[in-house]
Amino acid sequence: HSCCPNAVVSWDAEVGELLVKSAQPIDEGEEVTISYLGHSPGLEKICEAHQSYTLDDCALGETDNIPAHWPHNELRMRRERLMATKCFLCRCPRCVREAGEVLMM
């Protein structure tokens, strides 16, 4: 999971498969991440355009500037929902940056 994912998932009912599509270029060896919190509708156009977003493109606290494939909730709401539904505290790069924490790799 990541709150700044580089891929999105969708269910193809016709073939009965879960599809993973990149939402931006993914470098060789880079981890493919999705958001457990879902994403905005209409991502097919973003995926087809293969637009590139990085954490630096996100103006913290301004959801208008957040890419459509990123969750648009505030940090507290994202973390509370993930703790309630998935039982973990999100420490993805976006959450760490917004919380002013240090990311330990």
N, C-alpha and C. Protein backbone atom coordinates (compact mmCIF):
# COMPACT_ATOMS: atom_id res chain seq x y z
N HIS A 1 0.84 -1.19 0.00
CA HIS A 1 0.00 0.00 0.00
C HIS A 1 0.88 1.24 0.00
N SER A 2 0.36 2.28 -0.64
CA SER A 2 0.97 3.60 -0.56
C SER A 2 -0.12 4.64 -0.79
N CYS A 3 -0.01 5.78 -0.11
CA CYS A 3 -0.93 6.89 -0.35
C CYS A 3 -0.44 7.76 -1.51
N CYS A 4 0.69 7.37 -2.11
CA CYS A 4 1.18 7.99 -3.35
C CYS A 4 1.52 6.84 -4.30
N PRO A 5 0.50 6.04 -4.66
CA PRO A 5 0.74 4.83 -5.46
C PRO A 5 1.17 5.13 -6.89
N ASN A 6 1.86 4.16 -7.49
CA ASN A 6 2.25 4.30 -8.88
C ASN A 6 1.42 3.40 -9.80
N ALA A 7 0.42 2.71 -9.22
CA ALA A 7 -0.44 1.83 -10.00
C ALA A 7 -1.85 1.84 -9.41
N VAL A 8 -2.80 1.36 -10.20
CA VAL A 8 -4.19 1.23 -9.75
C VAL A 8 -4.68 -0.16 -10.11
N VAL A 9 -5.67 -0.64 -9.37
CA VAL A 9 -6.25 -1.95 -9.66
C VAL A 9 -7.71 -1.79 -10.04
N SER A 10 -8.17 -2.70 -10.88
CA SER A 10 -9.58 -2.74 -11.26
C SER A 10 -9.94 -4.18 -11.55
N TRP A 11 -11.22 -4.49 -11.43
CA TRP A 11 -11.72 -5.83 -11.67
C TRP A 11 -12.30 -5.91 -13.07
N ASP A 12 -11.84 -6.85 -13.87
CA ASP A 12 -12.38 -7.09 -15.20
C ASP A 12 -13.36 -8.26 -15.09
N ALA A 13 -14.64 -7.94 -14.99
CA ALA A 13 -15.67 -8.96 -14.80
C ALA A 13 -15.81 -9.89 -16.00
N GLU A 14 -15.50 -9.39 -17.19
CA GLU A 14 -15.63 -10.21 -18.39
C GLU A 14 -14.69 -11.42 -18.36
N VAL A 15 -13.49 -11.22 -17.90
CA VAL A 15 -12.52 -12.32 -17.86
C VAL A 15 -12.27 -12.84 -16.45
N GLY A 16 -12.84 -12.16 -15.46
CA GLY A 16 -12.68 -12.59 -14.07
C GLY A 16 -11.27 -12.41 -13.55
N GLU A 17 -10.66 -11.26 -13.87
CA GLU A 17 -9.29 -11.00 -13.44
C GLU A 17 -9.16 -9.64 -12.80
N LEU A 18 -8.25 -9.57 -11.84
CA LEU A 18 -7.87 -8.30 -11.23
C LEU A 18 -6.76 -7.72 -12.09
N LEU A 19 -6.95 -6.50 -12.58
CA LEU A 19 -5.96 -5.86 -13.44
C LEU A 19 -5.17 -4.83 -12.64
N VAL A 20 -3.88 -4.81 -12.82
CA VAL A 20 -3.01 -3.81 -12.22
C VAL A 20 -2.44 -3.00 -13.37
N LYS A 21 -2.70 -1.69 -13.35
CA LYS A 21 -2.21 -0.80 -14.41
C LYS A 21 -1.33 0.27 -13.80
N SER A 22 -0.23 0.55 -14.48
CA SER A 22 0.61 1.64 -13.99
C SER A 22 -0.11 2.96 -14.22
N ALA A 23 0.02 3.86 -13.28
CA ALA A 23 -0.58 5.19 -13.39
C ALA A 23 0.48 6.23 -13.70
N GLN A 24 1.71 5.76 -13.77
CA GLN A 24 2.85 6.60 -14.09
C GLN A 24 3.99 5.67 -14.46
N PRO A 25 5.04 6.16 -15.07
CA PRO A 25 6.17 5.28 -15.39
C PRO A 25 6.76 4.67 -14.11
N ILE A 26 7.09 3.39 -14.18
CA ILE A 26 7.68 2.68 -13.04
C ILE A 26 9.05 2.17 -13.48
N ASP A 27 10.07 2.57 -12.75
CA ASP A 27 11.43 2.16 -13.08
C ASP A 27 11.66 0.69 -12.78
N GLU A 28 12.58 0.09 -13.52
CA GLU A 28 12.94 -1.30 -13.26
C GLU A 28 13.45 -1.42 -11.82
N GLY A 29 12.92 -2.40 -11.11
CA GLY A 29 13.31 -2.61 -9.72
C GLY A 29 12.50 -1.81 -8.71
N GLU A 30 11.72 -0.84 -9.18
CA GLU A 30 10.88 -0.03 -8.29
C GLU A 30 9.68 -0.86 -7.84
N GLU A 31 9.31 -0.73 -6.60
CA GLU A 31 8.15 -1.44 -6.07
C GLU A 31 6.87 -0.90 -6.71
N VAL A 32 5.99 -1.81 -7.12
CA VAL A 32 4.68 -1.42 -7.64
C VAL A 32 3.76 -1.28 -6.44
N THR A 33 3.13 -0.10 -6.30
CA THR A 33 2.27 0.15 -5.15
C THR A 33 0.88 0.56 -5.59
N ILE A 34 -0.10 0.18 -4.77
CA ILE A 34 -1.49 0.59 -4.96
C ILE A 34 -1.97 1.19 -3.65
N SER A 35 -3.09 1.87 -3.71
CA SER A 35 -3.68 2.41 -2.49
C SER A 35 -4.81 1.50 -2.03
N TYR A 36 -4.80 1.12 -0.77
CA TYR A 36 -5.91 0.34 -0.20
C TYR A 36 -7.13 1.22 0.01
N LEU A 37 -6.97 2.52 -0.14
CA LEU A 37 -8.06 3.46 0.10
C LEU A 37 -8.87 3.76 -1.16
N GLY A 38 -8.51 3.18 -2.27
CA GLY A 38 -9.23 3.44 -3.50
C GLY A 38 -8.70 4.67 -4.21
N HIS A 39 -9.39 5.05 -5.27
CA HIS A 39 -8.95 6.17 -6.08
C HIS A 39 -10.16 6.80 -6.75
N SER A 40 -9.91 7.89 -7.45
CA SER A 40 -10.98 8.60 -8.15
C SER A 40 -11.40 7.85 -9.39
N PRO A 41 -12.67 7.97 -9.79
CA PRO A 41 -13.11 7.32 -11.03
C PRO A 41 -12.48 7.97 -12.24
N GLY A 42 -12.48 7.28 -13.37
CA GLY A 42 -11.96 7.83 -14.61
C GLY A 42 -10.46 7.72 -14.77
N LEU A 43 -9.83 6.78 -14.05
CA LEU A 43 -8.38 6.68 -14.11
C LEU A 43 -7.86 6.08 -15.40
N GLU A 44 -8.73 5.48 -16.19
CA GLU A 44 -8.28 4.88 -17.43
C GLU A 44 -7.55 5.91 -18.30
N LYS A 45 -8.06 7.13 -18.31
CA LYS A 45 -7.42 8.17 -19.12
C LYS A 45 -6.04 8.52 -18.57
N ILE A 46 -5.91 8.55 -17.25
CA ILE A 46 -4.61 8.84 -16.64
C ILE A 46 -3.64 7.72 -16.97
N CYS A 47 -4.10 6.47 -16.83
CA CYS A 47 -3.23 5.33 -17.11
C CYS A 47 -2.80 5.31 -18.56
N GLU A 48 -3.74 5.59 -19.47
CA GLU A 48 -3.41 5.59 -20.89
C GLU A 48 -2.44 6.70 -21.23
N ALA A 49 -2.61 7.85 -20.60
CA ALA A 49 -1.71 8.98 -20.87
C ALA A 49 -0.35 8.74 -20.23
N HIS A 50 -0.29 7.84 -19.25
CA HIS A 50 0.96 7.48 -18.55
C HIS A 50 1.64 8.72 -17.98
N GLN A 51 0.84 9.56 -17.32
CA GLN A 51 1.38 10.77 -16.74
C GLN A 51 2.29 10.42 -15.58
N SER A 52 3.23 11.28 -15.31
CA SER A 52 4.19 11.04 -14.26
C SER A 52 3.95 11.99 -13.08
N TYR A 53 3.85 11.42 -11.90
CA TYR A 53 3.70 12.20 -10.67
C TYR A 53 4.71 11.70 -9.66
N THR A 54 5.21 12.59 -8.85
CA THR A 54 6.08 12.21 -7.75
C THR A 54 5.53 12.86 -6.49
N LEU A 55 6.09 12.46 -5.36
CA LEU A 55 5.66 13.03 -4.09
C LEU A 55 5.83 14.55 -4.09
N ASP A 56 6.84 15.05 -4.77
CA ASP A 56 7.08 16.49 -4.81
C ASP A 56 6.00 17.24 -5.58
N ASP A 57 5.26 16.54 -6.45
CA ASP A 57 4.18 17.18 -7.20
C ASP A 57 2.97 17.48 -6.33
N CYS A 58 2.90 16.88 -5.16
CA CYS A 58 1.75 17.03 -4.28
C CYS A 58 1.96 18.22 -3.36
N ALA A 59 1.12 19.23 -3.52
CA ALA A 59 1.16 20.37 -2.60
C ALA A 59 0.45 19.93 -1.33
N LEU A 60 1.18 19.78 -0.26
CA LEU A 60 0.63 19.24 0.98
C LEU A 60 -0.57 20.03 1.45
N GLY A 61 -1.65 19.30 1.72
CA GLY A 61 -2.86 19.92 2.22
C GLY A 61 -3.75 20.51 1.15
N GLU A 62 -3.32 20.51 -0.09
CA GLU A 62 -4.12 21.05 -1.18
C GLU A 62 -4.56 19.92 -2.10
N THR A 63 -5.76 19.40 -1.87
CA THR A 63 -6.21 18.24 -2.63
C THR A 63 -6.41 18.53 -4.11
N ASP A 64 -6.52 19.79 -4.49
CA ASP A 64 -6.67 20.11 -5.91
C ASP A 64 -5.44 19.72 -6.71
N ASN A 65 -4.28 19.68 -6.07
CA ASN A 65 -3.03 19.39 -6.76
C ASN A 65 -2.61 17.94 -6.64
N ILE A 66 -3.39 17.11 -5.98
CA ILE A 66 -3.04 15.71 -5.79
C ILE A 66 -3.48 14.91 -7.01
N PRO A 67 -2.61 14.08 -7.57
CA PRO A 67 -3.00 13.26 -8.72
C PRO A 67 -4.26 12.45 -8.43
N ALA A 68 -5.05 12.20 -9.45
CA ALA A 68 -6.33 11.51 -9.29
C ALA A 68 -6.18 10.10 -8.73
N HIS A 69 -5.04 9.45 -8.97
CA HIS A 69 -4.87 8.09 -8.47
C HIS A 69 -4.34 8.03 -7.04
N TRP A 70 -4.18 9.18 -6.40
CA TRP A 70 -3.81 9.23 -4.99
C TRP A 70 -5.07 9.46 -4.16
N PRO A 71 -5.16 8.88 -2.96
CA PRO A 71 -6.30 9.19 -2.08
C PRO A 71 -6.33 10.69 -1.77
N HIS A 72 -7.50 11.27 -1.74
CA HIS A 72 -7.63 12.71 -1.53
C HIS A 72 -7.99 13.09 -0.10
N ASN A 73 -7.89 12.13 0.83
CA ASN A 73 -8.20 12.41 2.23
C ASN A 73 -6.99 13.04 2.91
N GLU A 74 -7.24 13.72 4.01
CA GLU A 74 -6.15 14.26 4.82
C GLU A 74 -5.44 13.12 5.54
N LEU A 75 -4.22 13.38 5.97
CA LEU A 75 -3.37 12.40 6.64
C LEU A 75 -4.11 11.67 7.76
N ARG A 76 -4.70 12.42 8.68
CA ARG A 76 -5.37 11.81 9.83
C ARG A 76 -6.45 10.85 9.39
N MET A 77 -7.27 11.25 8.41
CA MET A 77 -8.36 10.40 7.94
C MET A 77 -7.83 9.14 7.26
N ARG A 78 -6.77 9.28 6.45
CA ARG A 78 -6.19 8.11 5.78
C ARG A 78 -5.66 7.11 6.80
N ARG A 79 -4.90 7.63 7.77
CA ARG A 79 -4.32 6.74 8.77
C ARG A 79 -5.39 6.08 9.64
N GLU A 80 -6.41 6.83 10.03
CA GLU A 80 -7.48 6.26 10.85
C GLU A 80 -8.23 5.16 10.09
N ARG A 81 -8.51 5.40 8.82
CA ARG A 81 -9.24 4.41 8.03
C ARG A 81 -8.40 3.14 7.84
N LEU A 82 -7.11 3.31 7.56
CA LEU A 82 -6.25 2.15 7.39
C LEU A 82 -6.09 1.37 8.69
N MET A 83 -5.99 2.07 9.81
CA MET A 83 -5.88 1.39 11.10
C MET A 83 -7.16 0.62 11.39
N ALA A 84 -8.32 1.21 11.10
CA ALA A 84 -9.60 0.58 11.39
C ALA A 84 -9.89 -0.60 10.47
N THR A 85 -9.45 -0.51 9.22
CA THR A 85 -9.80 -1.56 8.26
C THR A 85 -8.68 -2.54 7.95
N LYS A 86 -7.43 -2.11 8.10
CA LYS A 86 -6.29 -2.97 7.74
C LYS A 86 -5.33 -3.20 8.91
N CYS A 87 -5.59 -2.54 10.03
CA CYS A 87 -4.81 -2.72 11.26
C CYS A 87 -3.33 -2.35 11.12
N PHE A 88 -3.04 -1.25 10.42
CA PHE A 88 -1.66 -0.77 10.41
C PHE A 88 -1.63 0.74 10.29
N LEU A 89 -0.55 1.33 10.78
CA LEU A 89 -0.31 2.76 10.67
C LEU A 89 0.49 2.99 9.40
N CYS A 90 -0.07 3.72 8.47
CA CYS A 90 0.60 3.94 7.20
C CYS A 90 1.86 4.78 7.40
N ARG A 91 2.97 4.27 6.85
CA ARG A 91 4.24 4.99 6.90
C ARG A 91 4.82 5.10 5.50
N CYS A 92 3.90 5.26 4.52
CA CYS A 92 4.37 5.45 3.15
C CYS A 92 5.07 6.81 3.07
N PRO A 93 5.82 7.05 1.99
CA PRO A 93 6.54 8.34 1.89
C PRO A 93 5.64 9.57 2.03
N ARG A 94 4.43 9.51 1.48
CA ARG A 94 3.53 10.66 1.57
C ARG A 94 3.10 10.91 3.01
N CYS A 95 2.68 9.86 3.71
CA CYS A 95 2.22 10.03 5.10
C CYS A 95 3.36 10.50 6.00
N VAL A 96 4.53 9.92 5.81
CA VAL A 96 5.69 10.32 6.61
C VAL A 96 6.01 11.78 6.38
N ARG A 97 5.99 12.19 5.12
CA ARG A 97 6.30 13.60 4.81
C ARG A 97 5.25 14.54 5.40
N GLU A 98 3.95 14.20 5.22
CA GLU A 98 2.90 15.07 5.73
C GLU A 98 2.89 15.15 7.24
N ALA A 99 3.33 14.07 7.90
CA ALA A 99 3.35 14.06 9.37
C ALA A 99 4.64 14.67 9.93
N GLY A 100 5.59 14.98 9.05
CA GLY A 100 6.86 15.53 9.50
C GLY A 100 7.73 14.50 10.18
N GLU A 101 7.54 13.24 9.81
CA GLU A 101 8.30 12.13 10.39
C GLU A 101 9.53 11.84 9.51
N VAL A 102 10.35 10.93 9.98
CA VAL A 102 11.51 10.50 9.23
C VAL A 102 11.23 9.11 8.70
N LEU A 103 11.44 8.90 7.40
CA LEU A 103 11.23 7.60 6.78
C LEU A 103 12.46 6.74 6.98
N MET A 104 12.29 5.62 7.64
CA MET A 104 13.40 4.68 7.87
C MET A 104 13.32 3.58 6.84
N MET A 105 14.35 3.41 6.06
CA MET A 105 14.36 2.36 5.03
C MET A 105 15.21 1.20 5.47
